[in-house]
Amino acid sequence: MNYWLMKTEPDVYSMDDMLADKNQTTVWEGIRNYQARNFMRDGMKNGDQVLIYHSNAKPPGVIGIAEVV
């Protein structure tokens, strides 16, 4: 199992948004960095743990844990 750090902005998609979803899942899209995209496509496997990081928050930091499905 691997551990990943995923960044999101709370005003774009927050952990509350994910928890409010019926299945509590989302698709991570809009990745412009090729290396990050390749890690997501080739490295992430079902069951891997993800730290959800809000970078544009007061204070910035990890706000939750998710799992790759």
N, C-alpha and C. Protein backbone atom coordinates (compact mmCIF):
# COMPACT_ATOMS: atom_id res chain seq x y z
N MET A 1 0.85 -1.18 0.00
CA MET A 1 0.00 0.00 0.00
C MET A 1 0.90 1.24 0.00
N ASN A 2 0.47 2.24 -0.75
CA ASN A 2 1.17 3.53 -0.80
C ASN A 2 0.31 4.61 -0.16
N TYR A 3 0.95 5.71 0.17
CA TYR A 3 0.27 6.87 0.73
C TYR A 3 0.52 8.05 -0.21
N TRP A 4 -0.52 8.84 -0.47
CA TRP A 4 -0.44 9.94 -1.41
C TRP A 4 -0.95 11.22 -0.76
N LEU A 5 -0.50 12.35 -1.27
CA LEU A 5 -0.97 13.65 -0.83
C LEU A 5 -1.68 14.30 -2.01
N MET A 6 -2.95 14.64 -1.84
CA MET A 6 -3.73 15.29 -2.89
C MET A 6 -4.15 16.66 -2.40
N LYS A 7 -3.93 17.67 -3.24
CA LYS A 7 -4.24 19.05 -2.89
C LYS A 7 -5.53 19.49 -3.55
N THR A 8 -6.33 20.19 -2.81
CA THR A 8 -7.54 20.78 -3.34
C THR A 8 -7.80 22.09 -2.62
N GLU A 9 -8.59 22.93 -3.21
CA GLU A 9 -8.96 24.20 -2.59
C GLU A 9 -10.34 24.04 -1.96
N PRO A 10 -10.52 24.48 -0.72
CA PRO A 10 -11.80 24.27 -0.05
C PRO A 10 -12.98 24.94 -0.75
N ASP A 11 -12.73 26.02 -1.49
CA ASP A 11 -13.84 26.68 -2.18
C ASP A 11 -14.15 26.04 -3.53
N VAL A 12 -13.30 25.13 -4.00
CA VAL A 12 -13.53 24.42 -5.25
C VAL A 12 -14.13 23.04 -4.97
N TYR A 13 -13.48 22.27 -4.12
CA TYR A 13 -13.98 20.94 -3.72
C TYR A 13 -13.40 20.63 -2.35
N SER A 14 -14.25 20.61 -1.36
CA SER A 14 -13.79 20.40 0.01
C SER A 14 -14.08 18.97 0.46
N MET A 15 -13.54 18.61 1.59
CA MET A 15 -13.82 17.31 2.18
C MET A 15 -15.31 17.21 2.50
N ASP A 16 -15.92 18.31 2.90
CA ASP A 16 -17.37 18.31 3.16
C ASP A 16 -18.15 17.97 1.89
N ASP A 17 -17.68 18.47 0.74
CA ASP A 17 -18.32 18.14 -0.54
C ASP A 17 -18.26 16.63 -0.79
N MET A 18 -17.09 16.04 -0.53
CA MET A 18 -16.94 14.60 -0.75
C MET A 18 -17.84 13.81 0.20
N LEU A 19 -17.88 14.20 1.45
CA LEU A 19 -18.70 13.49 2.43
C LEU A 19 -20.19 13.63 2.13
N ALA A 20 -20.58 14.74 1.49
CA ALA A 20 -21.98 14.96 1.15
C ALA A 20 -22.42 14.15 -0.06
N ASP A 21 -21.46 13.69 -0.89
CA ASP A 21 -21.78 12.89 -2.06
C ASP A 21 -22.37 11.56 -1.63
N LYS A 22 -23.34 11.08 -2.38
CA LYS A 22 -24.03 9.82 -2.06
C LYS A 22 -23.05 8.67 -1.85
N ASN A 23 -22.09 8.54 -2.74
CA ASN A 23 -21.12 7.44 -2.67
C ASN A 23 -19.82 7.84 -1.97
N GLN A 24 -19.72 9.09 -1.58
CA GLN A 24 -18.51 9.65 -0.96
C GLN A 24 -17.28 9.37 -1.83
N THR A 25 -17.45 9.60 -3.14
CA THR A 25 -16.36 9.44 -4.09
C THR A 25 -16.32 10.64 -5.01
N THR A 26 -15.19 10.80 -5.69
CA THR A 26 -15.06 11.85 -6.69
C THR A 26 -14.02 11.44 -7.71
N VAL A 27 -14.00 12.11 -8.83
CA VAL A 27 -12.98 11.94 -9.86
C VAL A 27 -12.04 13.12 -9.74
N TRP A 28 -10.75 12.85 -9.66
CA TRP A 28 -9.77 13.93 -9.58
C TRP A 28 -9.42 14.31 -11.00
N GLU A 29 -9.75 15.53 -11.42
CA GLU A 29 -9.54 15.94 -12.80
C GLU A 29 -8.89 17.31 -12.86
N GLY A 30 -8.51 17.70 -14.04
CA GLY A 30 -7.91 19.01 -14.23
C GLY A 30 -6.43 19.04 -13.87
N ILE A 31 -5.77 17.89 -13.90
CA ILE A 31 -4.36 17.81 -13.54
C ILE A 31 -3.54 18.31 -14.73
N ARG A 32 -2.79 19.38 -14.53
CA ARG A 32 -1.99 19.96 -15.61
C ARG A 32 -0.54 19.49 -15.58
N ASN A 33 -0.10 18.99 -14.45
CA ASN A 33 1.28 18.55 -14.31
C ASN A 33 1.38 17.09 -14.79
N TYR A 34 2.23 16.85 -15.80
CA TYR A 34 2.32 15.52 -16.39
C TYR A 34 2.83 14.49 -15.40
N GLN A 35 3.80 14.86 -14.57
CA GLN A 35 4.33 13.89 -13.61
C GLN A 35 3.26 13.50 -12.59
N ALA A 36 2.49 14.47 -12.11
CA ALA A 36 1.40 14.17 -11.17
C ALA A 36 0.36 13.29 -11.84
N ARG A 37 0.02 13.59 -13.08
CA ARG A 37 -0.95 12.78 -13.82
C ARG A 37 -0.47 11.34 -13.95
N ASN A 38 0.82 11.17 -14.26
CA ASN A 38 1.37 9.83 -14.41
C ASN A 38 1.37 9.06 -13.10
N PHE A 39 1.67 9.75 -11.98
CA PHE A 39 1.59 9.10 -10.68
C PHE A 39 0.17 8.61 -10.42
N MET A 40 -0.80 9.45 -10.73
CA MET A 40 -2.19 9.08 -10.50
C MET A 40 -2.60 7.91 -11.40
N ARG A 41 -2.21 7.96 -12.65
CA ARG A 41 -2.61 6.94 -13.61
C ARG A 41 -1.88 5.62 -13.37
N ASP A 42 -0.57 5.69 -13.12
CA ASP A 42 0.25 4.47 -13.08
C ASP A 42 0.59 4.00 -11.67
N GLY A 43 0.56 4.91 -10.70
CA GLY A 43 1.02 4.56 -9.37
C GLY A 43 -0.07 4.27 -8.37
N MET A 44 -1.18 5.00 -8.47
CA MET A 44 -2.25 4.82 -7.48
C MET A 44 -3.00 3.52 -7.73
N LYS A 45 -3.21 2.78 -6.66
CA LYS A 45 -3.91 1.50 -6.73
C LYS A 45 -5.04 1.48 -5.71
N ASN A 46 -6.07 0.69 -5.98
CA ASN A 46 -7.17 0.54 -5.03
C ASN A 46 -6.62 0.19 -3.65
N GLY A 47 -7.14 0.87 -2.64
CA GLY A 47 -6.73 0.63 -1.27
C GLY A 47 -5.65 1.56 -0.77
N ASP A 48 -4.95 2.26 -1.68
CA ASP A 48 -3.95 3.24 -1.25
C ASP A 48 -4.63 4.34 -0.44
N GLN A 49 -3.94 4.86 0.53
CA GLN A 49 -4.46 5.93 1.37
C GLN A 49 -4.04 7.29 0.82
N VAL A 50 -4.93 8.28 0.98
CA VAL A 50 -4.70 9.62 0.45
C VAL A 50 -4.93 10.64 1.55
N LEU A 51 -3.96 11.51 1.75
CA LEU A 51 -4.14 12.65 2.64
C LEU A 51 -4.69 13.79 1.81
N ILE A 52 -5.82 14.35 2.22
CA ILE A 52 -6.44 15.47 1.50
C ILE A 52 -5.94 16.76 2.13
N TYR A 53 -5.30 17.59 1.32
CA TYR A 53 -4.64 18.81 1.77
C TYR A 53 -5.33 20.03 1.19
N HIS A 54 -5.75 20.95 2.06
CA HIS A 54 -6.29 22.23 1.60
C HIS A 54 -5.18 23.26 1.69
N SER A 55 -4.74 23.75 0.53
CA SER A 55 -3.60 24.68 0.50
C SER A 55 -4.02 26.13 0.67
N ASN A 56 -5.22 26.46 0.27
CA ASN A 56 -5.66 27.85 0.32
C ASN A 56 -6.69 28.01 1.44
N ALA A 57 -6.28 27.62 2.64
CA ALA A 57 -7.17 27.68 3.80
C ALA A 57 -6.42 28.37 4.94
N LYS A 58 -7.13 28.76 5.93
CA LYS A 58 -6.53 29.40 7.10
C LYS A 58 -6.77 28.51 8.30
N PRO A 59 -5.83 27.77 8.79
CA PRO A 59 -4.48 27.54 8.26
C PRO A 59 -4.51 26.42 7.21
N PRO A 60 -3.54 26.41 6.31
CA PRO A 60 -3.46 25.31 5.34
C PRO A 60 -3.03 24.03 6.05
N GLY A 61 -3.48 22.90 5.51
CA GLY A 61 -3.05 21.63 6.11
C GLY A 61 -3.90 20.46 5.66
N VAL A 62 -3.56 19.29 6.17
CA VAL A 62 -4.29 18.06 5.88
C VAL A 62 -5.61 18.12 6.64
N ILE A 63 -6.70 17.88 5.93
CA ILE A 63 -8.01 17.99 6.56
C ILE A 63 -8.78 16.67 6.58
N GLY A 64 -8.20 15.64 5.96
CA GLY A 64 -8.88 14.36 5.97
C GLY A 64 -8.07 13.27 5.30
N ILE A 65 -8.57 12.05 5.44
CA ILE A 65 -7.95 10.89 4.84
C ILE A 65 -8.98 10.21 3.94
N ALA A 66 -8.54 9.79 2.76
CA ALA A 66 -9.42 9.11 1.81
C ALA A 66 -8.73 7.82 1.35
N GLU A 67 -9.44 7.05 0.56
CA GLU A 67 -8.90 5.81 0.02
C GLU A 67 -9.14 5.76 -1.48
N VAL A 68 -8.15 5.30 -2.22
CA VAL A 68 -8.29 5.15 -3.67
C VAL A 68 -9.22 3.98 -3.94
N VAL A 69 -10.27 4.21 -4.76
CA VAL A 69 -11.20 3.15 -5.15
C VAL A 69 -11.32 3.10 -6.66
